[in-house]
Amino acid sequence: MIRTLLISSAYLLVWSLFYHFGQLEWLIQGFPQCCGYWIESNQILILFLIMLLAIVNIPVISPFPHVRIKLNVVGCIVPLLLSCGLYWYCPPLRHLLLLPVVVAALAGLLCSKLTNQGVFMNIEPLIIITGVSTIISILWTGHSGYLPWAPQIAFISAFMGSLLGGDIVRIPLAWIQKRENAVVTINIGGAGAADALFVAGLSAGVLTHFGVLLWKII
């Protein structure tokens, strides 16, 4: 718990610096302006709340016996809400997301593995998912005329790809592969702000943001 809190705090510091220098504007520009104003004036409060919520895991009902499922507030629920908000307030994303999400989900499935402690994904798979989401988002939107929306698509596809391919698909597999009387706990987003789901999404969005700027220059 303490380790999760410390690592999440470090990651939040990094992302707050990105926000301070205007590299995360793409994450909030799809929401109503009042949300942006509130975030701008309450940054310290938001960081403090997210740091505390990083250790909160909410148990949910599992459809499979011997498989326990928990959702971390910061590592799973927060990026899920951000993704839903971007989807709702940015109509162009709705017909552009399918391909990037499917590709990222396949990458997440291939790059993650199931252990007795749950789903495991180290730094190399995280880089692969982030890179795949970044490249396909830039190419897909660049040739479709929606290049300004590439960071949002990269964020959603990297997060949803990791969530679907890395965690959700593993739930029935954990039940199929279970040992007799063994209980497997799948803690989705369990590393808090440092979890692969959240980090992959934010990293893909930031990289794509810079990629869009480079695309325009070229």
C-alpha atoms as a PDB file:
ATOM      1  CA  MET A   1       0.000   0.000   0.000  1.00  0.00           C
ATOM      2  CA  ILE A   2       2.777   2.442   0.960  1.00  0.00           C
ATOM      3  CA  ARG A   3       4.743   1.480  -2.159  1.00  0.00           C
ATOM      4  CA  THR A   4       1.706   2.150  -4.353  1.00  0.00           C
ATOM      5  CA  LEU A   5       1.193   5.510  -2.671  1.00  0.00           C
ATOM      6  CA  LEU A   6       4.816   6.581  -3.125  1.00  0.00           C
ATOM      7  CA  ILE A   7       5.123   5.463  -6.755  1.00  0.00           C
ATOM      8  CA  SER A   8       1.750   6.988  -7.636  1.00  0.00           C
ATOM      9  CA  SER A   9       2.833  10.264  -6.038  1.00  0.00           C
ATOM     10  CA  ALA A  10       5.981  10.303  -8.174  1.00  0.00           C
ATOM     11  CA  TYR A  11       3.998   9.657 -11.336  1.00  0.00           C
ATOM     12  CA  LEU A  12       1.465  12.331 -10.431  1.00  0.00           C
ATOM     13  CA  LEU A  13       4.301  14.819 -10.007  1.00  0.00           C
ATOM     14  CA  VAL A  14       5.527  14.006 -13.513  1.00  0.00           C
ATOM     15  CA  TRP A  15       2.065  14.371 -15.044  1.00  0.00           C
ATOM     16  CA  SER A  16       1.444  17.609 -13.136  1.00  0.00           C
ATOM     17  CA  LEU A  17       4.606  19.039 -14.701  1.00  0.00           C
ATOM     18  CA  PHE A  18       3.351  18.012 -18.140  1.00  0.00           C
ATOM     19  CA  TYR A  19       0.051  19.729 -17.370  1.00  0.00           C
ATOM     20  CA  HIS A  20       1.810  22.847 -16.075  1.00  0.00           C
ATOM     21  CA  PHE A  21       3.733  23.193 -19.356  1.00  0.00           C
ATOM     22  CA  GLY A  22       0.598  22.739 -21.458  1.00  0.00           C
ATOM     23  CA  GLN A  23       1.245  19.201 -22.679  1.00  0.00           C
ATOM     24  CA  LEU A  24      -2.031  17.768 -21.344  1.00  0.00           C
ATOM     25  CA  GLU A  25      -4.421  20.354 -22.753  1.00  0.00           C
ATOM     26  CA  TRP A  26      -5.698  17.759 -25.214  1.00  0.00           C
ATOM     27  CA  LEU A  27      -6.990  15.746 -22.249  1.00  0.00           C
ATOM     28  CA  ILE A  28      -9.421  18.425 -21.032  1.00  0.00           C
ATOM     29  CA  GLN A  29     -10.229  20.395 -24.190  1.00  0.00           C
ATOM     30  CA  GLY A  30     -13.029  17.993 -25.065  1.00  0.00           C
ATOM     31  CA  PHE A  31     -14.861  18.757 -21.815  1.00  0.00           C
ATOM     32  CA  PRO A  32     -17.023  21.796 -20.967  1.00  0.00           C
ATOM     33  CA  GLN A  33     -14.997  24.925 -20.231  1.00  0.00           C
ATOM     34  CA  CYS A  34     -16.196  24.996 -16.620  1.00  0.00           C
ATOM     35  CA  CYS A  35     -14.331  21.724 -16.008  1.00  0.00           C
ATOM     36  CA  GLY A  36     -11.123  23.220 -17.360  1.00  0.00           C
ATOM     37  CA  TYR A  37     -11.482  26.295 -15.160  1.00  0.00           C
ATOM     38  CA  TRP A  38     -12.147  24.159 -12.078  1.00  0.00           C
ATOM     39  CA  ILE A  39      -9.129  21.925 -12.750  1.00  0.00           C
ATOM     40  CA  GLU A  40      -6.920  24.966 -13.321  1.00  0.00           C
ATOM     41  CA  SER A  41      -7.865  26.513  -9.979  1.00  0.00           C
ATOM     42  CA  ASN A  42      -7.818  23.315  -7.908  1.00  0.00           C
ATOM     43  CA  GLN A  43      -4.698  21.482  -9.094  1.00  0.00           C
ATOM     44  CA  ILE A  44      -3.251  20.906  -5.613  1.00  0.00           C
ATOM     45  CA  LEU A  45      -6.553  19.550  -4.295  1.00  0.00           C
ATOM     46  CA  ILE A  46      -6.923  17.218  -7.279  1.00  0.00           C
ATOM     47  CA  LEU A  47      -3.388  15.854  -6.915  1.00  0.00           C
ATOM     48  CA  PHE A  48      -3.919  15.282  -3.194  1.00  0.00           C
ATOM     49  CA  LEU A  49      -7.212  13.448  -3.735  1.00  0.00           C
ATOM     50  CA  ILE A  50      -5.795  11.304  -6.536  1.00  0.00           C
ATOM     51  CA  MET A  51      -2.769  10.425  -4.392  1.00  0.00           C
ATOM     52  CA  LEU A  52      -5.057   9.185  -1.603  1.00  0.00           C
ATOM     53  CA  LEU A  53      -7.440   7.363  -3.918  1.00  0.00           C
ATOM     54  CA  ALA A  54      -4.529   5.524  -5.564  1.00  0.00           C
ATOM     55  CA  ILE A  55      -4.628   2.943  -2.754  1.00  0.00           C
ATOM     56  CA  VAL A  56      -8.406   2.383  -2.911  1.00  0.00           C
ATOM     57  CA  ASN A  57      -9.492  -0.870  -4.573  1.00  0.00           C
ATOM     58  CA  ILE A  58     -13.213  -1.544  -4.964  1.00  0.00           C
ATOM     59  CA  PRO A  59     -14.352  -5.196  -5.066  1.00  0.00           C
ATOM     60  CA  VAL A  60     -16.881  -5.994  -7.769  1.00  0.00           C
ATOM     61  CA  ILE A  61     -19.033  -9.060  -8.330  1.00  0.00           C
ATOM     62  CA  SER A  62     -17.191 -11.676 -10.361  1.00  0.00           C
ATOM     63  CA  PRO A  63     -19.128 -13.837 -12.847  1.00  0.00           C
ATOM     64  CA  PHE A  64     -16.625 -16.631 -12.303  1.00  0.00           C
ATOM     65  CA  PRO A  65     -16.018 -18.648  -9.120  1.00  0.00           C
ATOM     66  CA  HIS A  66     -12.508 -18.569  -7.640  1.00  0.00           C
ATOM     67  CA  VAL A  67     -11.804 -15.281  -9.448  1.00  0.00           C
ATOM     68  CA  ARG A  68     -11.904 -12.069  -7.444  1.00  0.00           C
ATOM     69  CA  ILE A  69     -12.047  -8.740  -9.253  1.00  0.00           C
ATOM     70  CA  LYS A  70     -11.091  -5.361  -7.825  1.00  0.00           C
ATOM     71  CA  LEU A  71     -11.080  -1.966  -9.511  1.00  0.00           C
ATOM     72  CA  ASN A  72      -8.547   0.638  -8.448  1.00  0.00           C
ATOM     73  CA  VAL A  73     -10.030   4.139  -8.355  1.00  0.00           C
ATOM     74  CA  VAL A  74      -7.071   5.951  -9.940  1.00  0.00           C
ATOM     75  CA  GLY A  75      -5.588   3.177 -12.061  1.00  0.00           C
ATOM     76  CA  CYS A  76      -8.896   2.141 -13.633  1.00  0.00           C
ATOM     77  CA  ILE A  77     -11.968   4.215 -12.771  1.00  0.00           C
ATOM     78  CA  VAL A  78     -10.408   7.672 -13.302  1.00  0.00           C
ATOM     79  CA  PRO A  79      -9.008   6.936 -16.812  1.00  0.00           C
ATOM     80  CA  LEU A  80     -12.269   5.159 -17.650  1.00  0.00           C
ATOM     81  CA  LEU A  81     -14.232   8.299 -16.741  1.00  0.00           C
ATOM     82  CA  LEU A  82     -11.785  10.433 -18.738  1.00  0.00           C
ATOM     83  CA  SER A  83     -12.208   8.144 -21.748  1.00  0.00           C
ATOM     84  CA  CYS A  84     -16.012   8.275 -21.471  1.00  0.00           C
ATOM     85  CA  GLY A  85     -15.882  12.065 -21.161  1.00  0.00           C
ATOM     86  CA  LEU A  86     -13.713  12.438 -24.246  1.00  0.00           C
ATOM     87  CA  TYR A  87     -15.968  10.059 -26.166  1.00  0.00           C
ATOM     88  CA  TRP A  88     -19.080  11.994 -25.156  1.00  0.00           C
ATOM     89  CA  TYR A  89     -17.824  15.538 -25.692  1.00  0.00           C
ATOM     90  CA  CYS A  90     -15.728  14.880 -28.793  1.00  0.00           C
ATOM     91  CA  PRO A  91     -18.144  13.522 -31.448  1.00  0.00           C
ATOM     92  CA  PRO A  92     -15.422  12.982 -34.124  1.00  0.00           C
ATOM     93  CA  LEU A  93     -13.868  10.298 -31.923  1.00  0.00           C
ATOM     94  CA  ARG A  94     -16.907   8.051 -32.143  1.00  0.00           C
ATOM     95  CA  HIS A  95     -16.263   6.782 -35.665  1.00  0.00           C
ATOM     96  CA  LEU A  96     -12.464   6.742 -35.362  1.00  0.00           C
ATOM     97  CA  LEU A  97     -11.900   4.664 -32.224  1.00  0.00           C
ATOM     98  CA  LEU A  98     -12.733   1.132 -33.337  1.00  0.00           C
ATOM     99  CA  LEU A  99      -9.560   0.315 -35.266  1.00  0.00           C
ATOM    100  CA  PRO A 100      -7.068   1.855 -32.774  1.00  0.00           C
ATOM    101  CA  VAL A 101      -8.786   0.196 -29.803  1.00  0.00           C
ATOM    102  CA  VAL A 102      -8.854  -3.233 -31.490  1.00  0.00           C
ATOM    103  CA  VAL A 103      -5.171  -3.007 -32.432  1.00  0.00           C
ATOM    104  CA  ALA A 104      -4.188  -1.830 -28.931  1.00  0.00           C
ATOM    105  CA  ALA A 105      -6.295  -4.596 -27.357  1.00  0.00           C
ATOM    106  CA  LEU A 106      -4.465  -7.211 -29.417  1.00  0.00           C
ATOM    107  CA  ALA A 107      -1.158  -5.708 -28.300  1.00  0.00           C
ATOM    108  CA  GLY A 108      -2.354  -5.779 -24.686  1.00  0.00           C
ATOM    109  CA  LEU A 109      -3.385  -9.420 -24.982  1.00  0.00           C
ATOM    110  CA  LEU A 110      -0.046 -10.440 -26.472  1.00  0.00           C
ATOM    111  CA  CYS A 111       2.037  -8.391 -24.038  1.00  0.00           C
ATOM    112  CA  SER A 112       0.405  -9.299 -20.729  1.00  0.00           C
ATOM    113  CA  LYS A 113       0.478 -12.540 -18.781  1.00  0.00           C
ATOM    114  CA  LEU A 114      -1.624 -14.116 -16.061  1.00  0.00           C
ATOM    115  CA  THR A 115      -0.012 -15.146 -12.771  1.00  0.00           C
ATOM    116  CA  ASN A 116      -1.371 -16.387  -9.445  1.00  0.00           C
ATOM    117  CA  GLN A 117      -1.283 -12.777  -8.255  1.00  0.00           C
ATOM    118  CA  GLY A 118      -3.263 -11.546 -11.238  1.00  0.00           C
ATOM    119  CA  VAL A 119      -2.369  -9.898 -14.544  1.00  0.00           C
ATOM    120  CA  PHE A 120       1.252  -8.815 -14.911  1.00  0.00           C
ATOM    121  CA  MET A 121       2.614  -6.295 -17.391  1.00  0.00           C
ATOM    122  CA  ASN A 122       6.148  -4.906 -17.130  1.00  0.00           C
ATOM    123  CA  ILE A 123       7.792  -1.944 -18.818  1.00  0.00           C
ATOM    124  CA  GLU A 124       8.498  -3.544 -22.211  1.00  0.00           C
ATOM    125  CA  PRO A 125       4.841  -4.404 -22.992  1.00  0.00           C
ATOM    126  CA  LEU A 126       3.859  -0.958 -21.750  1.00  0.00           C
ATOM    127  CA  ILE A 127       6.217   0.627 -24.283  1.00  0.00           C
ATOM    128  CA  ILE A 128       4.814  -1.584 -27.052  1.00  0.00           C
ATOM    129  CA  ILE A 129       1.169  -0.703 -26.297  1.00  0.00           C
ATOM    130  CA  THR A 130       2.026   2.992 -26.012  1.00  0.00           C
ATOM    131  CA  GLY A 131       3.988   2.940 -29.265  1.00  0.00           C
ATOM    132  CA  VAL A 132       1.316   1.025 -31.185  1.00  0.00           C
ATOM    133  CA  SER A 133      -1.438   3.374 -29.988  1.00  0.00           C
ATOM    134  CA  THR A 134       0.639   6.449 -30.828  1.00  0.00           C
ATOM    135  CA  ILE A 135       1.573   5.348 -34.339  1.00  0.00           C
ATOM    136  CA  ILE A 136      -1.843   4.090 -35.403  1.00  0.00           C
ATOM    137  CA  SER A 137      -3.607   7.166 -33.973  1.00  0.00           C
ATOM    138  CA  ILE A 138      -1.394   9.572 -35.891  1.00  0.00           C
ATOM    139  CA  LEU A 139      -1.590   7.623 -39.152  1.00  0.00           C
ATOM    140  CA  TRP A 140      -5.332   6.948 -38.837  1.00  0.00           C
ATOM    141  CA  THR A 141      -6.306  10.548 -38.072  1.00  0.00           C
ATOM    142  CA  GLY A 142      -3.701  12.028 -40.422  1.00  0.00           C
ATOM    143  CA  HIS A 143      -5.217  10.281 -43.422  1.00  0.00           C
ATOM    144  CA  SER A 144      -8.796  10.833 -42.223  1.00  0.00           C
ATOM    145  CA  GLY A 145      -8.515  14.592 -41.758  1.00  0.00           C
ATOM    146  CA  TYR A 146      -8.943  14.495 -37.980  1.00  0.00           C
ATOM    147  CA  LEU A 147      -5.309  14.920 -36.927  1.00  0.00           C
ATOM    148  CA  PRO A 148      -6.057  17.348 -34.032  1.00  0.00           C
ATOM    149  CA  TRP A 149      -7.967  14.545 -32.289  1.00  0.00           C
ATOM    150  CA  ALA A 150      -5.084  12.067 -32.459  1.00  0.00           C
ATOM    151  CA  PRO A 151      -3.931  12.533 -28.807  1.00  0.00           C
ATOM    152  CA  GLN A 152      -7.418  11.820 -27.475  1.00  0.00           C
ATOM    153  CA  ILE A 153      -7.701   8.722 -29.662  1.00  0.00           C
ATOM    154  CA  ALA A 154      -4.256   7.550 -28.546  1.00  0.00           C
ATOM    155  CA  PHE A 155      -5.188   7.989 -24.886  1.00  0.00           C
ATOM    156  CA  ILE A 156      -8.464   6.086 -25.181  1.00  0.00           C
ATOM    157  CA  SER A 157      -7.062   3.320 -27.390  1.00  0.00           C
ATOM    158  CA  ALA A 158      -3.995   2.739 -25.184  1.00  0.00           C
ATOM    159  CA  PHE A 159      -6.091   2.676 -22.015  1.00  0.00           C
ATOM    160  CA  MET A 160      -8.957   0.617 -23.441  1.00  0.00           C
ATOM    161  CA  GLY A 161      -6.531  -1.671 -25.254  1.00  0.00           C
ATOM    162  CA  SER A 162      -4.676  -2.382 -22.021  1.00  0.00           C
ATOM    163  CA  LEU A 163      -7.951  -2.749 -20.132  1.00  0.00           C
ATOM    164  CA  LEU A 164      -9.641  -5.081 -22.629  1.00  0.00           C
ATOM    165  CA  GLY A 165      -6.665  -7.056 -23.881  1.00  0.00           C
ATOM    166  CA  GLY A 166      -4.639  -7.048 -20.703  1.00  0.00           C
ATOM    167  CA  ASP A 167      -7.274  -7.437 -17.974  1.00  0.00           C
ATOM    168  CA  ILE A 168     -10.848  -8.093 -19.118  1.00  0.00           C
ATOM    169  CA  VAL A 169      -9.967 -10.984 -21.433  1.00  0.00           C
ATOM    170  CA  ARG A 170      -7.846 -12.495 -18.650  1.00  0.00           C
ATOM    171  CA  ILE A 171     -10.817 -12.842 -16.281  1.00  0.00           C
ATOM    172  CA  PRO A 172     -12.422 -15.878 -18.003  1.00  0.00           C
ATOM    173  CA  LEU A 173      -8.935 -17.231 -18.751  1.00  0.00           C
ATOM    174  CA  ALA A 174      -8.126 -17.063 -15.030  1.00  0.00           C
ATOM    175  CA  TRP A 175     -11.212 -19.150 -14.318  1.00  0.00           C
ATOM    176  CA  ILE A 176     -10.394 -21.666 -17.054  1.00  0.00           C
ATOM    177  CA  GLN A 177      -6.776 -22.019 -15.959  1.00  0.00           C
ATOM    178  CA  LYS A 178      -7.422 -22.007 -12.208  1.00  0.00           C
ATOM    179  CA  ARG A 179      -5.912 -24.615  -9.977  1.00  0.00           C
ATOM    180  CA  GLU A 180      -8.171 -26.637  -7.698  1.00  0.00           C
ATOM    181  CA  ASN A 181      -9.540 -24.439  -4.888  1.00  0.00           C
ATOM    182  CA  ALA A 182      -7.098 -21.680  -5.844  1.00  0.00           C
ATOM    183  CA  VAL A 183      -8.417 -18.125  -5.811  1.00  0.00           C
ATOM    184  CA  VAL A 184      -7.008 -15.657  -8.330  1.00  0.00           C
ATOM    185  CA  THR A 185      -7.389 -11.939  -7.684  1.00  0.00           C
ATOM    186  CA  ILE A 186      -7.383  -9.639 -10.695  1.00  0.00           C
ATOM    187  CA  ASN A 187      -6.788  -6.108  -9.478  1.00  0.00           C
ATOM    188  CA  ILE A 188      -7.570  -3.901 -12.455  1.00  0.00           C
ATOM    189  CA  GLY A 189      -5.496  -0.732 -12.251  1.00  0.00           C
ATOM    190  CA  GLY A 190      -4.100  -1.884  -8.916  1.00  0.00           C
ATOM    191  CA  ALA A 191      -0.869   0.104  -9.118  1.00  0.00           C
ATOM    192  CA  GLY A 192      -2.795   3.372  -8.898  1.00  0.00           C
ATOM    193  CA  ALA A 193      -1.509   6.307 -10.930  1.00  0.00           C
ATOM    194  CA  ALA A 194       1.518   4.191 -11.846  1.00  0.00           C
ATOM    195  CA  ASP A 195      -0.589   1.379 -13.312  1.00  0.00           C
ATOM    196  CA  ALA A 196       0.003   0.304 -16.892  1.00  0.00           C
ATOM    197  CA  LEU A 197      -3.568   1.241 -17.870  1.00  0.00           C
ATOM    198  CA  PHE A 198      -3.201   4.869 -16.819  1.00  0.00           C
ATOM    199  CA  VAL A 199       0.455   5.280 -17.776  1.00  0.00           C
ATOM    200  CA  ALA A 200      -0.075   3.764 -21.243  1.00  0.00           C
ATOM    201  CA  GLY A 201      -2.975   6.108 -21.926  1.00  0.00           C
ATOM    202  CA  LEU A 202      -1.256   9.286 -20.759  1.00  0.00           C
ATOM    203  CA  SER A 203       2.067   8.371 -22.378  1.00  0.00           C
ATOM    204  CA  ALA A 204       0.385   7.610 -25.700  1.00  0.00           C
ATOM    205  CA  GLY A 205      -1.533  10.879 -25.547  1.00  0.00           C
ATOM    206  CA  VAL A 206       1.562  12.964 -24.786  1.00  0.00           C
ATOM    207  CA  LEU A 207       3.677  11.235 -27.443  1.00  0.00           C
ATOM    208  CA  THR A 208       0.905  11.651 -29.992  1.00  0.00           C
ATOM    209  CA  HIS A 209       0.603  15.331 -29.062  1.00  0.00           C
ATOM    210  CA  PHE A 210       4.258  15.812 -30.007  1.00  0.00           C
ATOM    211  CA  GLY A 211       3.783  13.554 -33.040  1.00  0.00           C
ATOM    212  CA  VAL A 212       0.971  15.769 -34.318  1.00  0.00           C
ATOM    213  CA  LEU A 213       3.189  18.838 -34.014  1.00  0.00           C
ATOM    214  CA  LEU A 214       5.928  17.041 -35.961  1.00  0.00           C
ATOM    215  CA  TRP A 215       3.430  15.855 -38.598  1.00  0.00           C
ATOM    216  CA  LYS A 216       2.312  19.450 -39.168  1.00  0.00           C
ATOM    217  CA  ILE A 217       5.895  20.636 -39.565  1.00  0.00           C
ATOM    218  CA  ILE A 218       6.719  17.904 -42.078  1.00  0.00           C
END
